[in-house]
Amino acid sequence: MNKLRILVMTAVEAERAAVMRGLGSYEGAEVRIAGVGPAAAAASTAKILALAGVTGGLLSIPTEDRPRGNSFDLVISAGIGGGFADVAPIGSLVVSSDIIAADLGAETPEGYVSVDTLGFGASRIIAEQDLSRRWIQALQAAGLTASLAPVLTLSTVTGTSATTQNLSLRYPGVGAEAMEGYGVAEAARQFDLPALEIRAISNVVGPRDRESWKIGEALQALEQACTILTEVLSS
């Protein structure tokens, strides 16, 4: 069986290093820096996919300009993030069921209205379902705390209890938030590639309390998750 070739995008170098340690000698992966925020993540991912010669979607480059043997089957946004306490405690993992641009819309006197309701586009991308399910099962079988849940992308991360409550009500069952997933997934969608997101939880979504953050532990969990991913990809 041919190994799936995956492109993994992380926001920063510490996340990239954790992912690479986890993936080890898996030959079908390329791990790159996306930058922070959905715009940087989308632009970086699209550039890499274009230079890799991925065809399909709204973007392509001429065959003669494509590097040989350098395409992808799947795109993953990976890193640490904030967890919604009732679904994803600190140290746990969230694999995306949906990747949602949670602040892509408009404020109105009646409250937030998504871009979908406004009729200008879509704020939700369904993650690759089969691999997400198998990855979750493998993580749980290894004794790790892991949830399959929506992951939110925001340009401004949450810092108040009120915003946390609003997001929880707007997106029932939400597991985590970060700043890059939707950008990475949208770039993948433009090339007709499936995408998913994984977040290792370093802090609880809500009022910022840096002293309670467990970044080192979250990076270790991310590394473990990527080690298990190699087994899932090869099965």
C-alpha atoms as a PDB file:
ATOM      1  CA  MET A   1       0.000   0.000   0.000  1.00  0.00           C
ATOM      2  CA  ASN A   2       1.351   3.421  -0.945  1.00  0.00           C
ATOM      3  CA  LYS A   3       1.787   5.796   1.951  1.00  0.00           C
ATOM      4  CA  LEU A   4      -0.321   8.904   1.960  1.00  0.00           C
ATOM      5  CA  ARG A   5       1.705  12.035   1.312  1.00  0.00           C
ATOM      6  CA  ILE A   6       0.726  14.746   3.771  1.00  0.00           C
ATOM      7  CA  LEU A   7       1.488  18.422   4.168  1.00  0.00           C
ATOM      8  CA  VAL A   8       1.457  19.512   7.818  1.00  0.00           C
ATOM      9  CA  MET A   9       1.284  23.232   8.556  1.00  0.00           C
ATOM     10  CA  THR A  10       2.153  24.669  11.969  1.00  0.00           C
ATOM     11  CA  ALA A  11       2.092  28.277  13.129  1.00  0.00           C
ATOM     12  CA  VAL A  12       5.528  28.370  14.777  1.00  0.00           C
ATOM     13  CA  GLU A  13       8.808  26.459  14.926  1.00  0.00           C
ATOM     14  CA  ALA A  14       8.196  24.833  18.337  1.00  0.00           C
ATOM     15  CA  GLU A  15       5.067  23.159  16.954  1.00  0.00           C
ATOM     16  CA  ARG A  16       6.889  22.134  13.792  1.00  0.00           C
ATOM     17  CA  ALA A  17       9.671  20.534  15.828  1.00  0.00           C
ATOM     18  CA  ALA A  18       7.156  18.566  17.923  1.00  0.00           C
ATOM     19  CA  VAL A  19       5.365  17.322  14.818  1.00  0.00           C
ATOM     20  CA  MET A  20       8.623  16.283  13.162  1.00  0.00           C
ATOM     21  CA  ARG A  21       9.752  14.382  16.251  1.00  0.00           C
ATOM     22  CA  GLY A  22       6.429  12.571  16.271  1.00  0.00           C
ATOM     23  CA  LEU A  23       6.438  11.732  12.582  1.00  0.00           C
ATOM     24  CA  GLY A  24       9.988  10.424  12.861  1.00  0.00           C
ATOM     25  CA  SER A  25      11.048   8.522   9.758  1.00  0.00           C
ATOM     26  CA  TYR A  26       7.665   8.630   8.032  1.00  0.00           C
ATOM     27  CA  GLU A  27       8.667   9.429   4.460  1.00  0.00           C
ATOM     28  CA  GLY A  28       5.372  10.753   3.214  1.00  0.00           C
ATOM     29  CA  ALA A  29       5.262  13.975   5.228  1.00  0.00           C
ATOM     30  CA  GLU A  30       6.406  17.527   4.747  1.00  0.00           C
ATOM     31  CA  VAL A  31       6.111  19.871   7.740  1.00  0.00           C
ATOM     32  CA  ARG A  32       6.148  23.608   7.096  1.00  0.00           C
ATOM     33  CA  ILE A  33       5.589  26.898   8.913  1.00  0.00           C
ATOM     34  CA  ALA A  34       2.294  28.611   8.140  1.00  0.00           C
ATOM     35  CA  GLY A  35       2.720  31.761  10.206  1.00  0.00           C
ATOM     36  CA  VAL A  36       0.250  33.093  12.747  1.00  0.00           C
ATOM     37  CA  GLY A  37      -3.353  33.847  11.812  1.00  0.00           C
ATOM     38  CA  PRO A  38      -5.710  32.657   9.076  1.00  0.00           C
ATOM     39  CA  ALA A  39      -4.439  34.982   6.334  1.00  0.00           C
ATOM     40  CA  ALA A  40      -0.792  33.981   6.725  1.00  0.00           C
ATOM     41  CA  ALA A  41      -1.779  30.328   7.033  1.00  0.00           C
ATOM     42  CA  ALA A  42      -3.887  30.380   3.872  1.00  0.00           C
ATOM     43  CA  ALA A  43      -1.256  32.211   1.832  1.00  0.00           C
ATOM     44  CA  SER A  44       1.615  30.001   3.007  1.00  0.00           C
ATOM     45  CA  THR A  45      -0.313  26.786   2.412  1.00  0.00           C
ATOM     46  CA  ALA A  46      -1.511  27.848  -1.038  1.00  0.00           C
ATOM     47  CA  LYS A  47       2.017  28.796  -2.067  1.00  0.00           C
ATOM     48  CA  ILE A  48       3.416  25.432  -1.007  1.00  0.00           C
ATOM     49  CA  LEU A  49       0.645  23.516  -2.771  1.00  0.00           C
ATOM     50  CA  ALA A  50       1.118  25.533  -5.953  1.00  0.00           C
ATOM     51  CA  LEU A  51       4.871  24.978  -5.992  1.00  0.00           C
ATOM     52  CA  ALA A  52       4.304  21.276  -5.322  1.00  0.00           C
ATOM     53  CA  GLY A  53       2.284  21.048  -8.496  1.00  0.00           C
ATOM     54  CA  VAL A  54      -1.006  20.023  -6.940  1.00  0.00           C
ATOM     55  CA  THR A  55      -3.707  20.089  -9.598  1.00  0.00           C
ATOM     56  CA  GLY A  56      -7.411  20.722  -9.346  1.00  0.00           C
ATOM     57  CA  GLY A  57      -9.518  23.259  -7.546  1.00  0.00           C
ATOM     58  CA  LEU A  58      -9.273  26.910  -8.499  1.00  0.00           C
ATOM     59  CA  LEU A  59      -5.486  27.016  -8.689  1.00  0.00           C
ATOM     60  CA  SER A  60      -2.929  25.106 -10.743  1.00  0.00           C
ATOM     61  CA  ILE A  61       0.419  25.563 -12.416  1.00  0.00           C
ATOM     62  CA  PRO A  62       1.586  24.202 -15.793  1.00  0.00           C
ATOM     63  CA  THR A  63       2.733  20.601 -15.830  1.00  0.00           C
ATOM     64  CA  GLU A  64       6.198  21.505 -17.076  1.00  0.00           C
ATOM     65  CA  ASP A  65       6.756  23.739 -14.021  1.00  0.00           C
ATOM     66  CA  ARG A  66       5.856  21.128 -11.406  1.00  0.00           C
ATOM     67  CA  PRO A  67       8.572  19.436  -9.339  1.00  0.00           C
ATOM     68  CA  ARG A  68       8.494  15.683  -9.953  1.00  0.00           C
ATOM     69  CA  GLY A  69       6.980  13.393  -7.330  1.00  0.00           C
ATOM     70  CA  ASN A  70       6.151  16.219  -4.969  1.00  0.00           C
ATOM     71  CA  SER A  71       2.401  16.319  -4.510  1.00  0.00           C
ATOM     72  CA  PHE A  72       0.085  15.757  -1.536  1.00  0.00           C
ATOM     73  CA  ASP A  73      -2.976  13.708  -0.639  1.00  0.00           C
ATOM     74  CA  LEU A  74      -3.959  15.511   2.566  1.00  0.00           C
ATOM     75  CA  VAL A  75      -3.295  18.780   4.398  1.00  0.00           C
ATOM     76  CA  ILE A  76      -3.191  18.989   8.207  1.00  0.00           C
ATOM     77  CA  SER A  77      -3.176  22.069  10.408  1.00  0.00           C
ATOM     78  CA  ALA A  78      -1.380  21.061  13.599  1.00  0.00           C
ATOM     79  CA  GLY A  79      -0.405  22.815  16.790  1.00  0.00           C
ATOM     80  CA  ILE A  80      -1.370  23.717  20.312  1.00  0.00           C
ATOM     81  CA  GLY A  81      -4.465  25.700  21.207  1.00  0.00           C
ATOM     82  CA  GLY A  82      -7.105  26.600  23.741  1.00  0.00           C
ATOM     83  CA  GLY A  83      -9.629  24.016  24.851  1.00  0.00           C
ATOM     84  CA  PHE A  84     -13.260  24.470  25.844  1.00  0.00           C
ATOM     85  CA  ALA A  85     -13.197  23.053  29.368  1.00  0.00           C
ATOM     86  CA  ASP A  86     -16.308  20.866  29.153  1.00  0.00           C
ATOM     87  CA  VAL A  87     -14.941  19.046  26.080  1.00  0.00           C
ATOM     88  CA  ALA A  88     -11.138  19.365  26.032  1.00  0.00           C
ATOM     89  CA  PRO A  89      -9.160  19.794  29.267  1.00  0.00           C
ATOM     90  CA  ILE A  90      -5.536  20.912  29.352  1.00  0.00           C
ATOM     91  CA  GLY A  91      -3.245  18.176  28.064  1.00  0.00           C
ATOM     92  CA  SER A  92      -5.885  16.552  25.887  1.00  0.00           C
ATOM     93  CA  LEU A  93      -6.120  16.425  22.094  1.00  0.00           C
ATOM     94  CA  VAL A  94      -8.841  17.590  19.722  1.00  0.00           C
ATOM     95  CA  VAL A  95      -9.111  16.272  16.176  1.00  0.00           C
ATOM     96  CA  SER A  96     -11.446  18.331  14.006  1.00  0.00           C
ATOM     97  CA  SER A  97     -14.846  17.181  12.867  1.00  0.00           C
ATOM     98  CA  ASP A  98     -15.361  20.645  11.374  1.00  0.00           C
ATOM     99  CA  ILE A  99     -13.008  23.589  10.884  1.00  0.00           C
ATOM    100  CA  ILE A 100     -14.881  26.837  11.459  1.00  0.00           C
ATOM    101  CA  ALA A 101     -14.028  30.494  10.869  1.00  0.00           C
ATOM    102  CA  ALA A 102     -15.784  31.643  14.012  1.00  0.00           C
ATOM    103  CA  ASP A 103     -15.465  35.400  13.485  1.00  0.00           C
ATOM    104  CA  LEU A 104     -16.145  35.536   9.737  1.00  0.00           C
ATOM    105  CA  GLY A 105     -19.401  37.448   9.681  1.00  0.00           C
ATOM    106  CA  ALA A 106     -21.031  40.600  11.031  1.00  0.00           C
ATOM    107  CA  GLU A 107     -22.210  42.047  14.299  1.00  0.00           C
ATOM    108  CA  THR A 108     -25.828  43.157  14.381  1.00  0.00           C
ATOM    109  CA  PRO A 109     -28.078  44.557  17.117  1.00  0.00           C
ATOM    110  CA  GLU A 110     -29.473  41.010  17.422  1.00  0.00           C
ATOM    111  CA  GLY A 111     -26.024  39.446  17.728  1.00  0.00           C
ATOM    112  CA  TYR A 112     -23.434  37.787  15.508  1.00  0.00           C
ATOM    113  CA  VAL A 113     -24.411  36.714  11.987  1.00  0.00           C
ATOM    114  CA  SER A 114     -22.132  34.334  10.098  1.00  0.00           C
ATOM    115  CA  VAL A 115     -21.034  34.889   6.524  1.00  0.00           C
ATOM    116  CA  ASP A 116     -23.160  31.865   5.608  1.00  0.00           C
ATOM    117  CA  THR A 117     -26.338  33.572   6.827  1.00  0.00           C
ATOM    118  CA  LEU A 118     -25.306  36.770   5.092  1.00  0.00           C
ATOM    119  CA  GLY A 119     -25.082  34.804   1.847  1.00  0.00           C
ATOM    120  CA  PHE A 120     -21.473  35.742   1.070  1.00  0.00           C
ATOM    121  CA  GLY A 121     -19.729  32.400   1.462  1.00  0.00           C
ATOM    122  CA  ALA A 122     -19.066  29.604   3.933  1.00  0.00           C
ATOM    123  CA  SER A 123     -17.459  29.658   7.353  1.00  0.00           C
ATOM    124  CA  ARG A 124     -17.341  25.881   7.911  1.00  0.00           C
ATOM    125  CA  ILE A 125     -15.212  23.233   6.227  1.00  0.00           C
ATOM    126  CA  ILE A 126     -15.958  19.596   6.971  1.00  0.00           C
ATOM    127  CA  ALA A 127     -12.754  17.818   7.951  1.00  0.00           C
ATOM    128  CA  GLU A 128     -11.602  14.598   6.300  1.00  0.00           C
ATOM    129  CA  GLN A 129     -13.897  12.159   8.037  1.00  0.00           C
ATOM    130  CA  ASP A 130     -12.376   8.687   7.758  1.00  0.00           C
ATOM    131  CA  LEU A 131      -8.858   9.610   8.850  1.00  0.00           C
ATOM    132  CA  SER A 132     -10.155  11.848  11.648  1.00  0.00           C
ATOM    133  CA  ARG A 133     -12.236   8.974  13.013  1.00  0.00           C
ATOM    134  CA  ARG A 134      -9.393   6.438  12.776  1.00  0.00           C
ATOM    135  CA  TRP A 135      -6.912   8.857  14.359  1.00  0.00           C
ATOM    136  CA  ILE A 136      -9.223   9.495  17.300  1.00  0.00           C
ATOM    137  CA  GLN A 137      -9.746   5.778  17.807  1.00  0.00           C
ATOM    138  CA  ALA A 138      -5.990   5.175  17.764  1.00  0.00           C
ATOM    139  CA  LEU A 139      -5.312   8.020  20.190  1.00  0.00           C
ATOM    140  CA  GLN A 140      -7.919   6.745  22.621  1.00  0.00           C
ATOM    141  CA  ALA A 141      -6.659   3.175  22.269  1.00  0.00           C
ATOM    142  CA  ALA A 142      -3.205   4.457  23.272  1.00  0.00           C
ATOM    143  CA  GLY A 143      -4.684   5.866  26.479  1.00  0.00           C
ATOM    144  CA  LEU A 144      -4.645   9.515  25.431  1.00  0.00           C
ATOM    145  CA  THR A 145      -7.548  11.863  26.161  1.00  0.00           C
ATOM    146  CA  ALA A 146      -8.818  12.874  22.726  1.00  0.00           C
ATOM    147  CA  SER A 147     -12.049  14.269  21.294  1.00  0.00           C
ATOM    148  CA  LEU A 148     -13.479  14.521  17.795  1.00  0.00           C
ATOM    149  CA  ALA A 149     -15.074  17.977  17.801  1.00  0.00           C
ATOM    150  CA  PRO A 150     -15.355  21.272  15.916  1.00  0.00           C
ATOM    151  CA  VAL A 151     -12.249  23.447  16.040  1.00  0.00           C
ATOM    152  CA  LEU A 152     -12.659  27.211  15.747  1.00  0.00           C
ATOM    153  CA  THR A 153     -10.363  29.622  13.936  1.00  0.00           C
ATOM    154  CA  LEU A 154     -10.295  33.201  15.230  1.00  0.00           C
ATOM    155  CA  SER A 155      -8.127  36.170  14.346  1.00  0.00           C
ATOM    156  CA  THR A 156      -8.422  37.330  17.960  1.00  0.00           C
ATOM    157  CA  VAL A 157      -8.247  34.528  20.511  1.00  0.00           C
ATOM    158  CA  THR A 158     -10.811  34.475  23.280  1.00  0.00           C
ATOM    159  CA  GLY A 159      -9.994  36.248  26.532  1.00  0.00           C
ATOM    160  CA  THR A 160     -13.276  36.663  28.411  1.00  0.00           C
ATOM    161  CA  SER A 161     -15.883  34.426  29.960  1.00  0.00           C
ATOM    162  CA  ALA A 162     -18.635  36.162  27.975  1.00  0.00           C
ATOM    163  CA  THR A 163     -17.023  35.401  24.622  1.00  0.00           C
ATOM    164  CA  THR A 164     -16.349  31.823  25.702  1.00  0.00           C
ATOM    165  CA  GLN A 165     -20.009  31.355  26.552  1.00  0.00           C
ATOM    166  CA  ASN A 166     -21.151  32.924  23.284  1.00  0.00           C
ATOM    167  CA  LEU A 167     -18.908  30.658  21.238  1.00  0.00           C
ATOM    168  CA  SER A 168     -20.046  27.578  23.143  1.00  0.00           C
ATOM    169  CA  LEU A 169     -23.679  28.443  22.485  1.00  0.00           C
ATOM    170  CA  ARG A 170     -23.049  29.291  18.831  1.00  0.00           C
ATOM    171  CA  TYR A 171     -21.094  26.102  18.156  1.00  0.00           C
ATOM    172  CA  PRO A 172     -22.435  23.265  20.321  1.00  0.00           C
ATOM    173  CA  GLY A 173     -19.833  20.678  21.226  1.00  0.00           C
ATOM    174  CA  VAL A 174     -16.897  22.878  20.218  1.00  0.00           C
ATOM    175  CA  GLY A 175     -13.581  21.459  21.374  1.00  0.00           C
ATOM    176  CA  ALA A 176     -10.820  23.961  20.700  1.00  0.00           C
ATOM    177  CA  GLU A 177      -9.821  27.270  19.191  1.00  0.00           C
ATOM    178  CA  ALA A 178      -6.696  28.437  17.407  1.00  0.00           C
ATOM    179  CA  MET A 179      -5.764  30.929  14.699  1.00  0.00           C
ATOM    180  CA  GLU A 180      -4.734  28.996  11.573  1.00  0.00           C
ATOM    181  CA  GLY A 181      -6.931  25.978  10.845  1.00  0.00           C
ATOM    182  CA  TYR A 182      -9.528  27.562   8.588  1.00  0.00           C
ATOM    183  CA  GLY A 183      -6.858  29.314   6.522  1.00  0.00           C
ATOM    184  CA  VAL A 184      -4.993  26.044   5.968  1.00  0.00           C
ATOM    185  CA  ALA A 185      -8.205  24.163   5.179  1.00  0.00           C
ATOM    186  CA  GLU A 186      -9.444  26.816   2.761  1.00  0.00           C
ATOM    187  CA  ALA A 187      -6.167  26.703   0.839  1.00  0.00           C
ATOM    188  CA  ALA A 188      -6.463  22.911   0.656  1.00  0.00           C
ATOM    189  CA  ARG A 189     -10.065  23.216  -0.535  1.00  0.00           C
ATOM    190  CA  GLN A 190      -8.981  25.467  -3.389  1.00  0.00           C
ATOM    191  CA  PHE A 191      -6.805  22.574  -4.596  1.00  0.00           C
ATOM    192  CA  ASP A 192      -9.528  19.938  -4.037  1.00  0.00           C
ATOM    193  CA  LEU A 193      -7.547  18.374  -1.195  1.00  0.00           C
ATOM    194  CA  PRO A 194      -9.038  17.094   2.075  1.00  0.00           C
ATOM    195  CA  ALA A 195      -7.911  18.746   5.287  1.00  0.00           C
ATOM    196  CA  LEU A 196      -8.107  18.238   9.002  1.00  0.00           C
ATOM    197  CA  GLU A 197      -6.843  19.932  12.143  1.00  0.00           C
ATOM    198  CA  ILE A 198      -5.389  18.716  15.415  1.00  0.00           C
ATOM    199  CA  ARG A 199      -4.906  20.806  18.536  1.00  0.00           C
ATOM    200  CA  ALA A 200      -3.079  19.792  21.688  1.00  0.00           C
ATOM    201  CA  ILE A 201      -4.621  21.773  24.519  1.00  0.00           C
ATOM    202  CA  SER A 202      -2.287  24.085  26.416  1.00  0.00           C
ATOM    203  CA  ASN A 203      -4.861  26.290  28.143  1.00  0.00           C
ATOM    204  CA  VAL A 204      -8.540  26.702  28.870  1.00  0.00           C
ATOM    205  CA  VAL A 205     -10.471  29.078  26.591  1.00  0.00           C
ATOM    206  CA  GLY A 206     -11.542  32.107  28.615  1.00  0.00           C
ATOM    207  CA  PRO A 207      -9.859  34.801  30.696  1.00  0.00           C
ATOM    208  CA  ARG A 208      -6.120  34.786  29.990  1.00  0.00           C
ATOM    209  CA  ASP A 209      -4.089  33.218  32.782  1.00  0.00           C
ATOM    210  CA  ARG A 210      -0.612  32.624  31.385  1.00  0.00           C
ATOM    211  CA  GLU A 211       0.640  31.069  34.608  1.00  0.00           C
ATOM    212  CA  SER A 212      -1.792  28.169  34.173  1.00  0.00           C
ATOM    213  CA  TRP A 213      -0.775  27.415  30.577  1.00  0.00           C
ATOM    214  CA  LYS A 214       0.965  24.091  29.966  1.00  0.00           C
ATOM    215  CA  ILE A 215       2.734  24.681  26.671  1.00  0.00           C
ATOM    216  CA  GLY A 216       5.452  22.092  27.212  1.00  0.00           C
ATOM    217  CA  GLU A 217       2.921  19.392  28.057  1.00  0.00           C
ATOM    218  CA  ALA A 218       0.805  20.321  25.039  1.00  0.00           C
ATOM    219  CA  LEU A 219       3.799  20.050  22.713  1.00  0.00           C
ATOM    220  CA  GLN A 220       4.552  16.616  24.144  1.00  0.00           C
ATOM    221  CA  ALA A 221       0.952  15.558  23.504  1.00  0.00           C
ATOM    222  CA  LEU A 222       1.209  16.873  19.947  1.00  0.00           C
ATOM    223  CA  GLU A 223       4.369  14.805  19.424  1.00  0.00           C
ATOM    224  CA  GLN A 224       2.647  11.679  20.748  1.00  0.00           C
ATOM    225  CA  ALA A 225      -0.348  12.267  18.507  1.00  0.00           C
ATOM    226  CA  CYS A 226       1.865  12.533  15.428  1.00  0.00           C
ATOM    227  CA  THR A 227       3.679   9.311  16.313  1.00  0.00           C
ATOM    228  CA  ILE A 228       0.303   7.574  16.385  1.00  0.00           C
ATOM    229  CA  LEU A 229      -0.669   9.291  13.128  1.00  0.00           C
ATOM    230  CA  THR A 230       2.164   7.509  11.308  1.00  0.00           C
ATOM    231  CA  GLU A 231       0.628   4.180  12.328  1.00  0.00           C
ATOM    232  CA  VAL A 232      -2.806   5.268  11.135  1.00  0.00           C
ATOM    233  CA  LEU A 233      -1.472   6.540   7.808  1.00  0.00           C
ATOM    234  CA  SER A 234       0.390   3.299   7.196  1.00  0.00           C
ATOM    235  CA  SER A 235      -2.530   1.011   8.054  1.00  0.00           C
END
